[in-house]
Protein backbone atom coordinates (compact mmCIF):
# COMPACT_ATOMS: atom_id res chain seq x y z
CA MET A 1 0.07 0.23 0.28
CA PRO A 2 1.60 3.37 -0.98
CA ARG A 3 2.36 5.85 1.76
CA VAL A 4 0.26 8.84 2.06
CA ASN A 5 1.91 11.93 3.01
CA THR A 6 -0.14 13.59 6.15
CA PRO A 7 0.12 17.42 6.24
CA ALA A 8 2.58 18.33 9.72
CA PRO A 9 -0.27 19.57 12.00
CA TYR A 10 -0.84 23.67 11.93
CA ARG A 11 1.15 25.12 14.55
CA SER A 12 -0.44 27.96 16.66
CA PRO A 13 1.41 31.73 15.67
CA VAL A 14 4.03 32.26 17.98
CA PRO A 15 3.68 35.59 19.64
CA GLY A 16 6.10 38.18 17.98
CA SER A 17 5.95 36.37 15.18
CA THR A 18 5.11 37.48 11.36
CA ALA A 19 1.51 36.10 11.66
CA ALA A 20 1.29 37.48 14.64
CA ARG A 21 1.91 40.81 13.79
CA ARG A 22 0.16 40.55 10.65
CA ALA A 23 -2.96 39.77 12.75
CA ALA A 24 -2.46 42.42 15.07
CA LEU A 25 -2.23 44.94 12.11
CA ARG A 26 -5.73 43.90 10.41
CA ALA A 27 -7.47 44.24 13.68
CA ARG A 28 -6.05 47.51 14.42
CA ALA A 29 -6.82 47.95 10.73
CA GLU A 30 -10.73 47.13 11.10
CA ALA A 31 -11.06 49.11 14.85
CA GLU A 32 -9.92 52.10 12.47
CA GLN A 33 -12.03 51.39 9.98
CA LYS A 34 -14.99 51.16 12.77
CA GLN A 35 -13.72 54.87 14.09
CA GLN A 36 -14.26 56.58 10.49
CA ALA A 37 -17.69 54.90 10.34
CA GLN A 38 -18.65 56.32 13.39
CA GLY A 39 -16.59 59.58 12.21
CA ALA A 40 -14.36 59.44 14.86
CA PRO A 41 -10.78 60.13 13.53
CA ALA A 42 -8.03 58.17 13.22
CA ALA A 43 -4.84 59.62 13.88
CA SER A 44 -2.66 56.56 12.84
CA ARG A 45 -4.45 56.81 9.38
CA SER A 46 -2.92 60.19 8.62
CA ARG A 47 1.13 60.80 8.07
CA GLY A 48 1.31 63.59 10.66
CA GLY A 49 -0.85 61.28 13.38
CA ALA A 50 1.77 58.07 12.34
CA ALA A 51 4.69 60.52 13.01
CA ALA A 52 3.15 61.35 16.57
CA SER A 53 2.38 57.95 17.66
CA LYS A 54 6.04 57.23 16.57
CA SER A 55 7.55 59.56 18.34
CA ALA A 56 5.44 58.92 21.68
CA ALA A 57 6.24 55.32 21.64
CA ARG A 58 8.24 54.06 24.21
CA ARG A 59 11.59 52.71 23.65
CA PRO A 60 12.57 49.17 24.77
CA SER A 61 13.52 48.87 28.44
CA SER A 62 14.84 46.19 30.90
CA GLY A 63 11.32 45.71 31.99
CA ASP A 64 9.68 46.28 28.40
CA ARG A 65 11.63 44.57 25.92
CA TYR A 66 9.46 45.61 22.80
CA GLY A 67 8.78 49.05 24.06
CA GLY A 68 5.69 50.73 23.23
CA ASP A 69 5.29 49.68 19.83
CA VAL A 70 6.45 46.63 18.48
CA LEU A 71 7.16 47.55 15.03
CA SER A 72 8.35 51.24 15.77
CA VAL A 73 12.08 49.78 17.00
CA ASN A 74 14.20 47.15 16.23
CA PRO A 75 15.12 45.54 20.12
CA HIS A 76 17.87 43.41 18.82
CA ARG A 77 19.32 47.38 18.34
CA THR A 78 17.83 49.35 20.50
CA GLY A 79 17.66 48.92 24.30
CA PRO A 80 19.58 47.39 27.56
CA GLY A 81 19.17 43.96 25.98
CA ALA A 82 20.06 44.68 22.09
CA ILE A 83 22.56 42.21 20.67
CA ARG A 84 23.89 44.19 18.11
CA PRO A 85 23.29 47.97 19.61
CA GLU A 86 23.06 50.92 17.21
CA SER A 87 25.99 53.85 17.70
CA VAL A 88 24.74 56.93 19.29
CA HIS A 89 26.51 60.16 18.70
CA VAL A 90 28.61 61.25 21.91
CA PRO A 91 30.39 64.54 21.85
CA VAL A 92 33.73 64.77 23.52
CA THR A 93 34.75 65.79 26.70
CA PRO A 94 37.38 66.11 28.78
CA GLY A 95 38.02 63.33 30.25
CA LEU A 96 35.67 61.00 28.48
CA VAL A 97 37.09 57.39 28.80
CA VAL A 98 36.61 55.69 25.24
CA GLU A 99 37.98 52.49 23.61
CA ASP A 100 39.33 52.36 19.61
CA ARG A 101 37.62 48.94 18.74
CA GLN A 102 40.31 48.74 16.06
CA THR A 103 43.02 48.83 18.06
CA GLY A 104 41.83 48.40 21.32
CA PHE A 105 43.03 51.04 23.00
CA VAL A 106 41.64 52.66 25.89
CA GLY A 107 42.38 56.16 27.17
CA ALA A 108 41.11 59.43 28.75
CA ALA A 109 39.88 62.03 25.75
CA VAL A 110 42.69 64.79 26.50
CA ALA A 111 42.39 67.30 23.36
CA VAL A 112 40.66 67.38 20.35
CA GLU A 113 43.06 68.77 17.28
CA LYS A 114 42.26 69.41 13.82
CA SER A 115 44.83 67.46 11.33
CA GLY A 116 44.09 67.06 7.85
CA GLY A 117 40.91 68.46 7.63
CA GLN A 118 39.26 66.47 9.86
CA HIS A 119 39.28 65.96 13.83
CA VAL A 120 41.37 63.98 15.65
CA VAL A 121 40.66 63.22 19.16
CA VAL A 122 43.98 62.47 21.45
CA LEU A 123 43.54 59.19 24.25
CA GLU A 124 45.86 59.26 26.92
CA ASP A 125 45.69 55.50 28.62
CA ARG A 126 46.45 54.52 32.40
CA HIS A 127 50.29 54.45 31.16
CA GLY A 128 50.60 58.41 30.10
CA VAL A 129 50.81 57.01 26.81
CA ARG A 130 48.76 59.35 23.99
CA ARG A 131 47.42 58.46 20.77
CA GLY A 132 45.39 59.82 18.39
CA PHE A 133 42.31 58.65 16.34
CA ALA A 134 40.12 60.66 13.37
CA LEU A 135 36.43 61.45 15.34
CA GLY A 136 33.50 59.22 13.94
CA PRO A 137 32.54 56.00 14.72
CA GLY A 138 34.84 52.85 15.67
CA PHE A 139 34.39 53.42 19.51
CA TRP A 140 33.34 51.99 22.30
CA ILE A 141 31.88 53.50 25.60
CA GLU A 142 31.24 50.82 28.53
CA GLY A 143 30.98 48.11 26.12
CA ARG A 144 28.53 50.06 23.44
CA PRO A 145 29.10 51.76 20.52
CA VAL A 146 29.44 55.44 19.86
CA ILE A 147 29.90 58.12 16.90
CA LEU A 148 32.74 60.64 18.36
CA ASP A 149 31.57 64.23 17.40
CA PRO A 150 33.65 67.62 18.27
CA PRO A 151 33.01 69.16 21.26
CA VAL A 152 29.94 71.31 21.86
CA ALA A 153 30.77 74.76 21.14
CA ARG A 154 30.47 76.64 23.96
CA THR A 155 28.07 79.69 24.05
CA ARG A 156 29.39 83.05 25.55
CA LYS A 157 27.21 85.33 27.47
CA PRO A 158 25.97 88.17 25.50
CA THR A 159 28.67 91.13 26.74
CA GLY A 160 27.40 94.74 26.44
CA ALA A 161 24.08 95.90 26.55
CA VAL A 162 21.56 93.15 26.06
CA SER A 163 17.78 93.94 25.85
CA ALA A 164 14.85 92.89 28.55
CA ALA A 165 15.47 89.15 27.35
CA GLY A 166 18.80 88.57 27.35
CA ARG A 167 19.77 89.13 23.85
CA ARG A 168 22.12 91.48 22.94
CA LEU A 169 22.15 94.69 21.88
CA THR A 170 24.79 96.73 19.08
CA ALA A 171 25.87 100.02 20.43
CA SER A 172 22.88 101.59 18.22
CA GLY A 173 20.37 99.77 20.14
CA SER A 174 19.15 97.32 17.59
CA TYR A 175 19.12 93.37 17.98
CA ALA A 176 22.87 92.28 17.10
CA VAL A 177 22.69 89.86 14.20
CA GLU A 178 25.34 86.50 15.60
CA GLY A 179 27.14 84.29 13.65
CA LYS A 180 26.58 85.77 10.12
CA ARG A 181 29.09 87.49 7.89
CA ALA A 182 29.43 90.91 6.31
CA LYS A 183 27.27 91.72 3.29
CA VAL A 184 28.62 92.34 0.21
CA ALA A 185 29.28 96.34 -0.01
CA ARG A 186 26.01 97.85 -1.61
CA ALA A 187 26.43 99.95 -4.90
CA SER A 188 24.75 103.21 -2.40
CA ARG A 189 26.88 104.80 0.13
CA ILE A 190 27.29 107.27 2.73
CA TRP A 191 29.55 110.09 3.20
CA VAL A 192 30.67 112.23 6.15
CA GLU A 193 32.70 115.05 6.29
CA GLY A 194 35.81 113.87 8.30
CA LYS A 195 37.78 110.78 10.32
CA HIS A 196 36.24 111.82 13.71
CA ASP A 197 33.06 111.53 11.75
CA ALA A 198 33.89 108.43 10.78
CA GLU A 199 35.14 106.80 14.06
CA LEU A 200 31.79 108.01 15.60
CA VAL A 201 29.56 106.55 13.25
CA GLU A 202 31.38 102.96 13.32
CA LYS A 203 31.02 102.79 16.97
CA VAL A 204 27.94 103.18 17.48
CA TRP A 205 26.38 102.26 14.01
CA GLY A 206 29.54 100.04 12.85
CA ASP A 207 27.63 96.82 13.19
CA ASP A 208 24.57 97.91 11.80
CA LEU A 209 25.96 99.06 8.39
CA ARG A 210 28.25 96.13 8.11
CA HIS A 211 25.03 93.90 8.28
CA GLU A 212 23.18 96.44 5.52
CA GLY A 213 26.72 96.39 3.42
CA VAL A 214 26.95 99.86 3.53
CA VAL A 215 30.59 101.53 3.15
CA VAL A 216 30.79 104.93 5.11
CA LEU A 217 33.25 107.06 2.94
CA MET A 218 35.14 110.39 3.82
CA LEU A 219 34.44 113.71 2.37
CA ASP A 220 37.50 115.43 3.87
CA GLY A 221 35.42 118.81 3.82
CA VAL A 222 31.82 119.62 2.80
CA ASP A 223 33.85 121.38 -0.01
CA ASN A 224 34.32 118.48 -1.68
CA LEU A 225 30.47 117.29 -1.69
CA GLU A 226 29.72 118.65 -5.32
CA GLU A 227 32.73 116.94 -7.15
CA VAL A 228 32.37 114.08 -5.13
CA MET A 229 28.94 113.57 -6.31
CA ALA A 230 29.15 114.23 -9.27
CA ASP A 231 31.76 111.22 -9.61
CA PHE A 232 29.83 109.07 -7.45
CA GLY A 233 26.60 109.46 -10.45
CA PRO A 234 23.56 108.86 -7.95
CA ALA A 235 20.42 107.34 -9.53
CA PRO A 236 17.46 105.65 -8.33
CA GLU A 237 18.75 102.26 -7.31
CA ARG A 238 22.26 103.92 -6.27
CA ARG A 239 21.65 106.51 -3.92
CA ALA A 240 23.84 108.71 -1.51
CA GLY A 241 23.70 109.65 1.82
CA VAL A 242 25.70 112.55 3.24
CA LEU A 243 26.15 113.70 6.97
CA VAL A 244 27.86 117.19 7.47
CA ASP A 245 28.66 119.33 10.77
CA HIS A 246 26.81 122.85 10.53
CA LEU A 247 23.77 122.15 8.72
CA VAL A 248 21.13 125.32 9.77
CA ALA A 249 20.02 127.75 7.43
CA GLY A 250 22.01 130.38 5.75
CA SER A 251 25.45 128.38 6.52
CA LYS A 252 27.74 127.59 3.80
CA GLU A 253 26.84 123.43 4.41
CA SER A 254 23.21 124.55 3.59
CA ARG A 255 24.00 126.75 0.68
CA ILE A 256 26.31 123.57 -0.70
CA ALA A 257 23.62 120.86 -0.02
CA GLN A 258 21.26 122.82 -1.71
CA ARG A 259 23.37 123.00 -4.91
CA VAL A 260 23.69 119.38 -4.55
CA ALA A 261 20.22 118.90 -4.59
CA GLU A 262 19.66 120.73 -8.01
CA MET A 263 22.34 118.65 -10.10
CA PRO A 264 21.37 115.73 -11.97
CA GLY A 265 20.51 112.95 -9.60
CA GLY A 266 20.00 115.06 -6.89
CA GLU A 267 16.75 113.75 -6.35
CA ASN A 268 19.02 110.46 -5.11
CA VAL A 269 20.90 112.32 -2.76
CA LEU A 270 20.05 113.00 0.93
CA VAL A 271 22.21 115.45 2.69
CA LEU A 272 21.48 115.82 6.55
CA GLY A 273 23.57 117.21 9.36
CA HIS A 274 23.56 118.55 13.17
CA PRO A 275 23.74 121.84 14.12
CA TYR A 276 26.95 121.65 15.90
CA VAL A 277 30.77 122.98 14.73
CA ASP A 278 32.39 119.85 15.02
CA VAL A 279 31.28 116.41 15.98
CA TRP A 280 32.66 116.46 19.22
CA GLN A 281 29.98 118.53 20.21
CA ALA A 282 27.07 115.62 19.57
CA VAL A 283 28.46 113.84 22.26
CA LYS A 284 26.73 114.31 25.21
CA PRO A 285 29.09 117.16 27.51
CA ALA A 286 28.26 114.46 30.35
CA ARG A 287 30.38 112.03 29.19
CA VAL A 288 33.16 114.16 29.70
CA GLY A 289 32.54 115.69 33.43
CA LEU A 290 30.87 119.27 31.69
CA GLU A 291 27.39 120.46 31.66
CA ARG A 292 27.35 121.99 28.41
CA TRP A 293 29.80 122.27 25.45
CA PRO A 294 32.74 125.61 25.86
CA ASP A 295 31.58 128.25 23.82
CA ILE A 296 34.50 128.74 21.30
CA PRO A 297 34.83 132.87 20.10
CA ARG A 298 35.15 132.90 16.35
CA GLY A 299 38.76 132.62 15.03
CA THR A 300 39.73 130.03 17.19
CA ASP A 301 39.51 126.28 16.14
CA ILE A 302 36.95 124.44 17.58
CA LYS A 303 38.92 121.67 18.28
CA HIS A 304 42.05 123.48 19.86
CA GLY A 305 39.80 125.47 21.96
CA THR A 306 37.36 122.56 23.45
CA LEU A 307 40.81 120.79 24.41
CA GLU A 308 42.05 124.33 26.18
CA ALA A 309 38.60 124.58 27.76
CA LEU A 310 38.69 120.84 29.01
CA GLY A 311 42.19 121.53 30.44
CA TRP A 312 43.93 118.74 28.32
CA PRO A 313 46.88 119.21 25.38
CA HIS A 314 46.09 121.18 22.86
CA ALA A 315 49.68 122.77 21.19
CA THR A 316 50.03 119.96 18.23
CA GLN A 317 47.68 117.79 16.16
CA ALA A 318 48.84 115.14 17.71
CA ASP A 319 47.27 116.45 21.24
CA VAL A 320 44.05 117.05 18.87
CA ALA A 321 44.36 113.35 18.04
CA ARG A 322 44.53 112.21 21.43
CA GLY A 323 41.69 114.25 22.83
CA TRP A 324 39.58 112.96 20.68
CA GLN A 325 40.37 109.48 21.04
CA ARG A 326 39.95 110.32 24.88
CA ILE A 327 36.06 111.47 24.44
CA LEU A 328 35.56 108.87 21.93
CA ALA A 329 36.50 106.41 24.57
CA THR A 330 33.40 107.66 26.61
CA VAL A 331 31.16 106.76 24.48
CA ARG A 332 29.58 103.55 24.83
CA SER A 333 26.28 103.48 23.07
CA TYR A 334 23.76 105.84 21.22
CA LYS A 335 22.65 107.07 24.65
CA ASP A 336 25.86 109.05 24.73
CA LEU A 337 25.12 110.78 21.83
CA GLU A 338 22.74 113.69 21.44
CA PRO A 339 19.60 113.45 19.65
CA SER A 340 19.94 115.65 16.79
CA LEU A 341 22.77 113.43 15.40
CA LEU A 342 21.02 109.92 16.01
CA GLY A 343 18.29 110.80 14.38
CA ARG A 344 19.71 111.91 11.11
CA MET A 345 21.97 108.99 10.92
CA GLU A 346 19.34 107.04 11.13
CA GLU A 347 17.59 108.67 8.33
CA LEU A 348 20.77 108.11 6.08
CA ILE A 349 21.16 104.54 6.57
CA ASP A 350 17.22 104.08 5.84
CA PHE A 351 17.22 106.50 2.65
CA VAL A 352 20.33 103.91 1.63
CA THR A 353 18.96 100.90 2.23
CA ALA A 354 15.19 101.63 1.22
CA PRO A 355 13.14 99.28 -1.13
CA GLY A 356 14.52 99.31 -4.85
CA THR A 357 18.36 100.36 -3.89
CA ARG A 358 21.50 97.96 -4.37
């Protein structure tokens, strides 16, 4: 009688097997369909819901081998019972003890250097022997694989003026832009009369001007303004802002400004100024211990006369330069300048950075 192959008895599904997982998925799909039929949202069917449930799933632990979702993580790669644990990123810190898997060298991190375009960690073992290894994968910490990363950069507390929220402020009072390089210079420009004007503008508005890409140039005297503007050739997208001293009605400076406005392209030039004879007086006198700046008689140089009134050396040009540096050093921010200068400078920056300019 021929032998008949009888089929093996059907084995019940093993918990955690593929068949059991498929059955669980089918049961979950049926439950979601019932919820949809009843009008209840099925969060796990949407992409956002899946992401949320995945992020909220518990990771495997010693008391929960599979975590919150058996399909969300691989217990053989994640968790305390992992057979082949996955590597995790660890930044190097001083004294961190690691093992190089390839050589078996064990040591504490004593330095991180850059060599040949890559970061190298220097390890020192218990005998004082030091060896360098390239950062990245291939290390162990307490028997588990890690990927060594460069040290985390320390964030320094902002120095100088800060806002109520702790954000650093520039000398002009605007929010400082961290971690960005100065922009490529604009075609639009700002001119000031001389060196002292330029140094004061740089100290208070330098950060803002670099962020906007605005270059500040010197006229070397307001008498050169017409010639400089003719050479510059202002245009609607190429504007010029000019800050001059002693711009009051009937002054030489006001007449020059009027002639510039009547030149071709003059509508693209903005000439503003303060009422002081010299930019020194735009610094609040209290910064140098005065109630008001001294009145200098006609015929006396404003700088020499001011230094003499202050009791500072004033005989030579070197004395004048040192005297100005003493005054400039007292300026900490826009709060130490007169409003008549602050407003004019802010107007000039807005004029040369307006939409449509370059």
